[in-house]
C-alpha atoms as a PDB file:
ATOM      1  CA  PHE A   1     175.499 136.306 103.603  1.00  0.00           C
ATOM      2  CA  GLY A   2     177.208 139.207 105.068  1.00  0.00           C
ATOM      3  CA  TYR A   3     180.304 140.722 103.521  1.00  0.00           C
ATOM      4  CA  GLU A   4     184.024 141.193 103.872  1.00  0.00           C
ATOM      5  CA  GLY A   5     185.716 144.337 104.466  1.00  0.00           C
ATOM      6  CA  GLY A   6     186.236 146.304 101.396  1.00  0.00           C
ATOM      7  CA  ALA A   7     183.836 144.328  99.458  1.00  0.00           C
ATOM      8  CA  PHE A   8     182.238 147.404  98.014  1.00  0.00           C
ATOM      9  CA  SER A   9     182.582 151.200  98.673  1.00  0.00           C
ATOM     10  CA  GLY A  10     181.019 152.272 101.842  1.00  0.00           C
ATOM     11  CA  ALA A  11     181.568 148.683 103.504  1.00  0.00           C
ATOM     12  CA  LYS A  12     182.814 148.419 107.134  1.00  0.00           C
ATOM     13  CA  GLN A  13     186.441 147.660 107.247  1.00  0.00           C
ATOM     14  CA  LYS A  14     186.022 144.623 109.250  1.00  0.00           C
ATOM     15  CA  GLY A  15     183.075 143.363 107.180  1.00  0.00           C
ATOM     16  CA  LEU A  16     179.677 142.589 108.580  1.00  0.00           C
ATOM     17  CA  ALA A  17     178.239 139.062 109.632  1.00  0.00           C
ATOM     18  CA  GLY A  18     175.159 138.130 107.766  1.00  0.00           C
ATOM     19  CA  LYS A  19     171.916 136.485 108.967  1.00  0.00           C
ATOM     20  CA  LEU A  20     173.198 133.017 108.162  1.00  0.00           C
ATOM     21  CA  GLU A  21     176.243 133.475 110.460  1.00  0.00           C
ATOM     22  CA  LEU A  22     174.168 135.317 113.096  1.00  0.00           C
ATOM     23  CA  ALA A  23     171.808 132.238 113.256  1.00  0.00           C
ATOM     24  CA  SER A  24     174.795 130.244 114.276  1.00  0.00           C
ATOM     25  CA  ASP A  25     173.749 126.879 115.908  1.00  0.00           C
ATOM     26  CA  GLY A  26     170.166 128.299 116.332  1.00  0.00           C
ATOM     27  CA  THR A  27     167.289 128.679 113.812  1.00  0.00           C
ATOM     28  CA  ILE A  28     166.854 131.239 111.061  1.00  0.00           C
ATOM     29  CA  PHE A  29     163.222 131.958 109.956  1.00  0.00           C
ATOM     30  CA  LEU A  30     162.686 132.811 106.312  1.00  0.00           C
ATOM     31  CA  ASP A  31     159.060 134.349 106.127  1.00  0.00           C
ATOM     32  CA  GLU A  32     157.288 134.430 102.763  1.00  0.00           C
ATOM     33  CA  ILE A  33     159.795 132.053 101.055  1.00  0.00           C
ATOM     34  CA  GLY A  34     157.619 131.902  98.065  1.00  0.00           C
ATOM     35  CA  ASP A  35     158.485 135.571  97.333  1.00  0.00           C
ATOM     36  CA  MET A  36     162.174 134.719  97.159  1.00  0.00           C
ATOM     37  CA  PRO A  37     163.408 135.640  93.485  1.00  0.00           C
ATOM     38  CA  LEU A  38     164.203 132.673  91.228  1.00  0.00           C
ATOM     39  CA  VAL A  39     167.878 134.078  90.871  1.00  0.00           C
ATOM     40  CA  LEU A  40     168.455 133.854  94.709  1.00  0.00           C
ATOM     41  CA  GLN A  41     166.841 130.347  95.279  1.00  0.00           C
ATOM     42  CA  PRO A  42     170.081 128.363  94.024  1.00  0.00           C
ATOM     43  CA  LYS A  43     172.220 130.162  96.566  1.00  0.00           C
ATOM     44  CA  LEU A  44     169.893 128.915  99.296  1.00  0.00           C
ATOM     45  CA  LEU A  45     169.914 125.483  97.832  1.00  0.00           C
ATOM     46  CA  ARG A  46     173.578 125.464  97.611  1.00  0.00           C
ATOM     47  CA  ILE A  47     173.786 126.514 101.341  1.00  0.00           C
ATOM     48  CA  LEU A  48     171.262 123.751 102.376  1.00  0.00           C
ATOM     49  CA  GLU A  49     173.152 121.056 100.283  1.00  0.00           C
ATOM     50  CA  GLU A  50     176.909 122.136 101.067  1.00  0.00           C
ATOM     51  CA  ARG A  51     176.260 123.562 104.564  1.00  0.00           C
ATOM     52  CA  GLU A  52     178.832 126.361 103.859  1.00  0.00           C
ATOM     53  CA  TYR A  53     178.907 129.644 102.132  1.00  0.00           C
ATOM     54  CA  TYR A  54     180.954 132.605 101.489  1.00  0.00           C
ATOM     55  CA  ARG A  55     180.463 136.368 102.531  1.00  0.00           C
ATOM     56  CA  LEU A  56     180.179 138.737  99.780  1.00  0.00           C
ATOM     57  CA  GLY A  57     183.641 139.499  98.494  1.00  0.00           C
ATOM     58  CA  GLY A  58     185.168 136.805 100.580  1.00  0.00           C
ATOM     59  CA  LEU A  59     187.346 133.806  99.966  1.00  0.00           C
ATOM     60  CA  ARG A  60     186.850 132.176 103.290  1.00  0.00           C
ATOM     61  CA  LYS A  61     184.214 129.491 103.608  1.00  0.00           C
ATOM     62  CA  TYR A  62     181.798 129.728 106.622  1.00  0.00           C
ATOM     63  CA  LYS A  63     180.042 126.744 108.164  1.00  0.00           C
ATOM     64  CA  PHE A  64     176.176 126.803 108.206  1.00  0.00           C
ATOM     65  CA  THR A  65     175.023 125.035 111.130  1.00  0.00           C
ATOM     66  CA  ALA A  66     171.542 126.549 111.762  1.00  0.00           C
ATOM     67  CA  ARG A  67     168.262 125.001 110.984  1.00  0.00           C
ATOM     68  CA  ILE A  68     165.890 126.742 108.599  1.00  0.00           C
ATOM     69  CA  VAL A  69     162.207 127.299 109.263  1.00  0.00           C
ATOM     70  CA  CYS A  70     160.305 128.796 106.276  1.00  0.00           C
ATOM     71  CA  ALA A  71     156.715 130.250 105.963  1.00  0.00           C
ATOM     72  CA  SER A  72     154.643 131.057 102.979  1.00  0.00           C
ATOM     73  CA  ASN A  73     150.991 132.120 102.176  1.00  0.00           C
ATOM     74  CA  CYS A  74     151.546 130.836  98.719  1.00  0.00           C
ATOM     75  CA  ASN A  75     150.933 127.302  97.348  1.00  0.00           C
ATOM     76  CA  LEU A  76     154.701 126.390  96.759  1.00  0.00           C
ATOM     77  CA  ALA A  77     153.682 123.126  95.043  1.00  0.00           C
ATOM     78  CA  ALA A  78     151.589 124.889  92.416  1.00  0.00           C
ATOM     79  CA  MET A  79     154.392 127.425  92.081  1.00  0.00           C
ATOM     80  CA  VAL A  80     156.847 124.612  91.290  1.00  0.00           C
ATOM     81  CA  LYS A  81     154.353 123.428  88.559  1.00  0.00           C
ATOM     82  CA  GLU A  82     154.275 126.876  87.049  1.00  0.00           C
ATOM     83  CA  ASN A  83     158.285 127.232  87.241  1.00  0.00           C
ATOM     84  CA  LYS A  84     157.959 129.994  89.814  1.00  0.00           C
ATOM     85  CA  PHE A  85     159.823 128.120  92.534  1.00  0.00           C
ATOM     86  CA  ARG A  86     162.621 125.679  92.234  1.00  0.00           C
ATOM     87  CA  ARG A  87     161.579 122.009  92.481  1.00  0.00           C
ATOM     88  CA  ASP A  88     164.828 120.967  94.031  1.00  0.00           C
ATOM     89  CA  LEU A  89     164.557 123.748  96.683  1.00  0.00           C
ATOM     90  CA  TYR A  90     160.867 123.069  97.410  1.00  0.00           C
ATOM     91  CA  TYR A  91     161.799 119.352  98.169  1.00  0.00           C
ATOM     92  CA  ARG A  92     164.830 120.256 100.207  1.00  0.00           C
ATOM     93  CA  LEU A  93     162.599 122.582 102.371  1.00  0.00           C
ATOM     94  CA  ASN A  94     159.467 120.555 102.459  1.00  0.00           C
ATOM     95  CA  VAL A  95     160.922 117.923 105.327  1.00  0.00           C
ATOM     96  CA  GLY A  96     158.756 118.664 108.186  1.00  0.00           C
ATOM     97  CA  ARG A  97     155.452 120.579 107.103  1.00  0.00           C
ATOM     98  CA  ILE A  98     152.884 122.248 109.142  1.00  0.00           C
ATOM     99  CA  SER A  99     149.759 123.487 107.460  1.00  0.00           C
ATOM    100  CA  LEU A 100     147.802 126.135 109.114  1.00  0.00           C
ATOM    101  CA  PRO A 101     144.329 126.704 107.753  1.00  0.00           C
ATOM    102  CA  ALA A 102     143.408 130.351 107.006  1.00  0.00           C
ATOM    103  CA  LEU A 103     141.280 132.117 109.707  1.00  0.00           C
ATOM    104  CA  ARG A 104     138.108 131.840 107.585  1.00  0.00           C
ATOM    105  CA  GLU A 105     138.261 128.078 107.325  1.00  0.00           C
ATOM    106  CA  VAL A 106     138.199 127.790 111.284  1.00  0.00           C
ATOM    107  CA  PRO A 107     135.678 130.327 112.429  1.00  0.00           C
ATOM    108  CA  GLU A 108     135.629 128.620 115.920  1.00  0.00           C
ATOM    109  CA  THR A 109     139.158 130.110 116.464  1.00  0.00           C
ATOM    110  CA  VAL A 110     138.030 133.720 115.878  1.00  0.00           C
ATOM    111  CA  GLN A 111     136.574 134.349 119.356  1.00  0.00           C
ATOM    112  CA  PRO A 112     139.507 132.993 121.452  1.00  0.00           C
ATOM    113  CA  MET A 113     142.022 134.888 119.162  1.00  0.00           C
ATOM    114  CA  ALA A 114     140.006 138.015 119.201  1.00  0.00           C
ATOM    115  CA  GLN A 115     139.791 137.811 123.073  1.00  0.00           C
ATOM    116  CA  LEU A 116     143.527 137.207 123.334  1.00  0.00           C
ATOM    117  CA  PHE A 117     144.249 140.197 121.209  1.00  0.00           C
ATOM    118  CA  LEU A 118     141.800 142.351 123.033  1.00  0.00           C
ATOM    119  CA  ASP A 119     143.282 141.434 126.356  1.00  0.00           C
ATOM    120  CA  GLN A 120     146.918 141.963 125.103  1.00  0.00           C
ATOM    121  CA  ILE A 121     146.322 145.288 123.462  1.00  0.00           C
ATOM    122  CA  SER A 122     143.899 146.698 126.131  1.00  0.00           C
ATOM    123  CA  LYS A 123     146.596 146.072 128.628  1.00  0.00           C
ATOM    124  CA  GLN A 124     149.336 147.562 126.438  1.00  0.00           C
ATOM    125  CA  LYS A 125     147.215 150.627 125.590  1.00  0.00           C
ATOM    126  CA  ARG A 126     145.811 151.020 129.140  1.00  0.00           C
ATOM    127  CA  SER A 127     142.260 150.688 127.760  1.00  0.00           C
ATOM    128  CA  ARG A 128     139.205 149.571 129.653  1.00  0.00           C
ATOM    129  CA  PHE A 129     137.955 147.051 126.929  1.00  0.00           C
ATOM    130  CA  LYS A 130     137.473 143.677 128.626  1.00  0.00           C
ATOM    131  CA  SER A 131     134.944 141.651 126.478  1.00  0.00           C
ATOM    132  CA  ILE A 132     133.278 141.277 123.089  1.00  0.00           C
ATOM    133  CA  SER A 133     129.548 141.319 122.705  1.00  0.00           C
ATOM    134  CA  LYS A 134     127.593 138.444 121.100  1.00  0.00           C
ATOM    135  CA  ASP A 135     126.616 140.550 118.122  1.00  0.00           C
ATOM    136  CA  ALA A 136     130.346 141.910 117.667  1.00  0.00           C
ATOM    137  CA  LEU A 137     131.497 138.362 117.910  1.00  0.00           C
ATOM    138  CA  GLN A 138     128.997 137.096 115.254  1.00  0.00           C
ATOM    139  CA  MET A 139     130.207 139.882 112.977  1.00  0.00           C
ATOM    140  CA  LEU A 140     133.882 138.755 113.588  1.00  0.00           C
ATOM    141  CA  LYS A 141     133.078 135.233 112.801  1.00  0.00           C
ATOM    142  CA  ASN A 142     131.121 135.924 109.626  1.00  0.00           C
ATOM    143  CA  TYR A 143     133.775 137.934 108.214  1.00  0.00           C
ATOM    144  CA  LYS A 144     135.856 136.483 105.565  1.00  0.00           C
ATOM    145  CA  TRP A 145     139.432 137.673 106.931  1.00  0.00           C
ATOM    146  CA  PRO A 146     141.301 138.159 103.628  1.00  0.00           C
ATOM    147  CA  GLY A 147     144.349 139.530 105.846  1.00  0.00           C
ATOM    148  CA  ASN A 148     144.026 136.531 107.893  1.00  0.00           C
ATOM    149  CA  ILE A 149     145.226 136.672 111.641  1.00  0.00           C
ATOM    150  CA  ARG A 150     146.988 139.998 111.090  1.00  0.00           C
ATOM    151  CA  GLU A 151     143.792 141.625 110.043  1.00  0.00           C
ATOM    152  CA  LEU A 152     142.066 140.322 113.058  1.00  0.00           C
ATOM    153  CA  LYS A 153     144.668 141.663 115.323  1.00  0.00           C
ATOM    154  CA  ASN A 154     144.754 144.968 113.456  1.00  0.00           C
ATOM    155  CA  THR A 155     140.815 145.231 113.772  1.00  0.00           C
ATOM    156  CA  ILE A 156     140.931 144.610 117.439  1.00  0.00           C
ATOM    157  CA  GLU A 157     143.829 147.210 117.757  1.00  0.00           C
ATOM    158  CA  ARG A 158     141.793 149.753 115.848  1.00  0.00           C
ATOM    159  CA  VAL A 159     138.908 149.257 118.175  1.00  0.00           C
ATOM    160  CA  VAL A 160     140.986 149.692 121.263  1.00  0.00           C
ATOM    161  CA  ILE A 161     142.685 152.896 119.818  1.00  0.00           C
ATOM    162  CA  MET A 162     139.617 154.455 118.555  1.00  0.00           C
ATOM    163  CA  TYR A 163     137.037 153.854 121.068  1.00  0.00           C
ATOM    164  CA  ASP A 164     136.702 154.162 124.849  1.00  0.00           C
ATOM    165  CA  ASP A 165     134.459 151.348 126.260  1.00  0.00           C
ATOM    166  CA  THR A 166     134.456 148.084 128.168  1.00  0.00           C
ATOM    167  CA  ARG A 167     132.906 145.910 125.517  1.00  0.00           C
ATOM    168  CA  VAL A 168     133.498 145.535 121.804  1.00  0.00           C
ATOM    169  CA  LYS A 169     130.176 146.261 120.025  1.00  0.00           C
ATOM    170  CA  PRO A 170     129.139 146.039 116.334  1.00  0.00           C
ATOM    171  CA  VAL A 171     129.375 149.822 116.096  1.00  0.00           C
ATOM    172  CA  HIS A 172     133.108 149.660 116.732  1.00  0.00           C
ATOM    173  CA  LEU A 173     133.716 147.269 113.872  1.00  0.00           C
ATOM    174  CA  ARG A 174     134.253 148.519 110.338  1.00  0.00           C
ATOM    175  CA  PHE A 175     135.337 146.190 107.557  1.00  0.00           C
END
């Protein structure tokens, strides 16, 4: 929300623009919206409905013109049923929905993603790694990936940092 000058001790004299204001006519991305505390959810709902807000300590209304994109690894519909996420906010946000399956549900995507990460990280770290052996690839495909894509990327990065080779092998992989 930002704040107005003098809103609290230590505040900048001229105040500070918040994320909503900085998003302007663009897009603001709210990652892990399911983790938003219930006490803050009505504030976001009000912004979505009224398309305006106040800075902390302010009397002037600011227009909200950005679009909001949210992500969550939680089942928000289940959270609504458990009264852990506001129903009205859920329906307000659930306009255009894209559902991405977990990596373990689409093992055929492991190889191209692992190779992409290997190419990127090898270039960034100036490593000699170029490819993934069949046995290592099978290990990657069979792993359940509880940390999803982030864990796959971290696994590849760990291999590139820890080893000096041209090909990822099973001995390089530790889960």
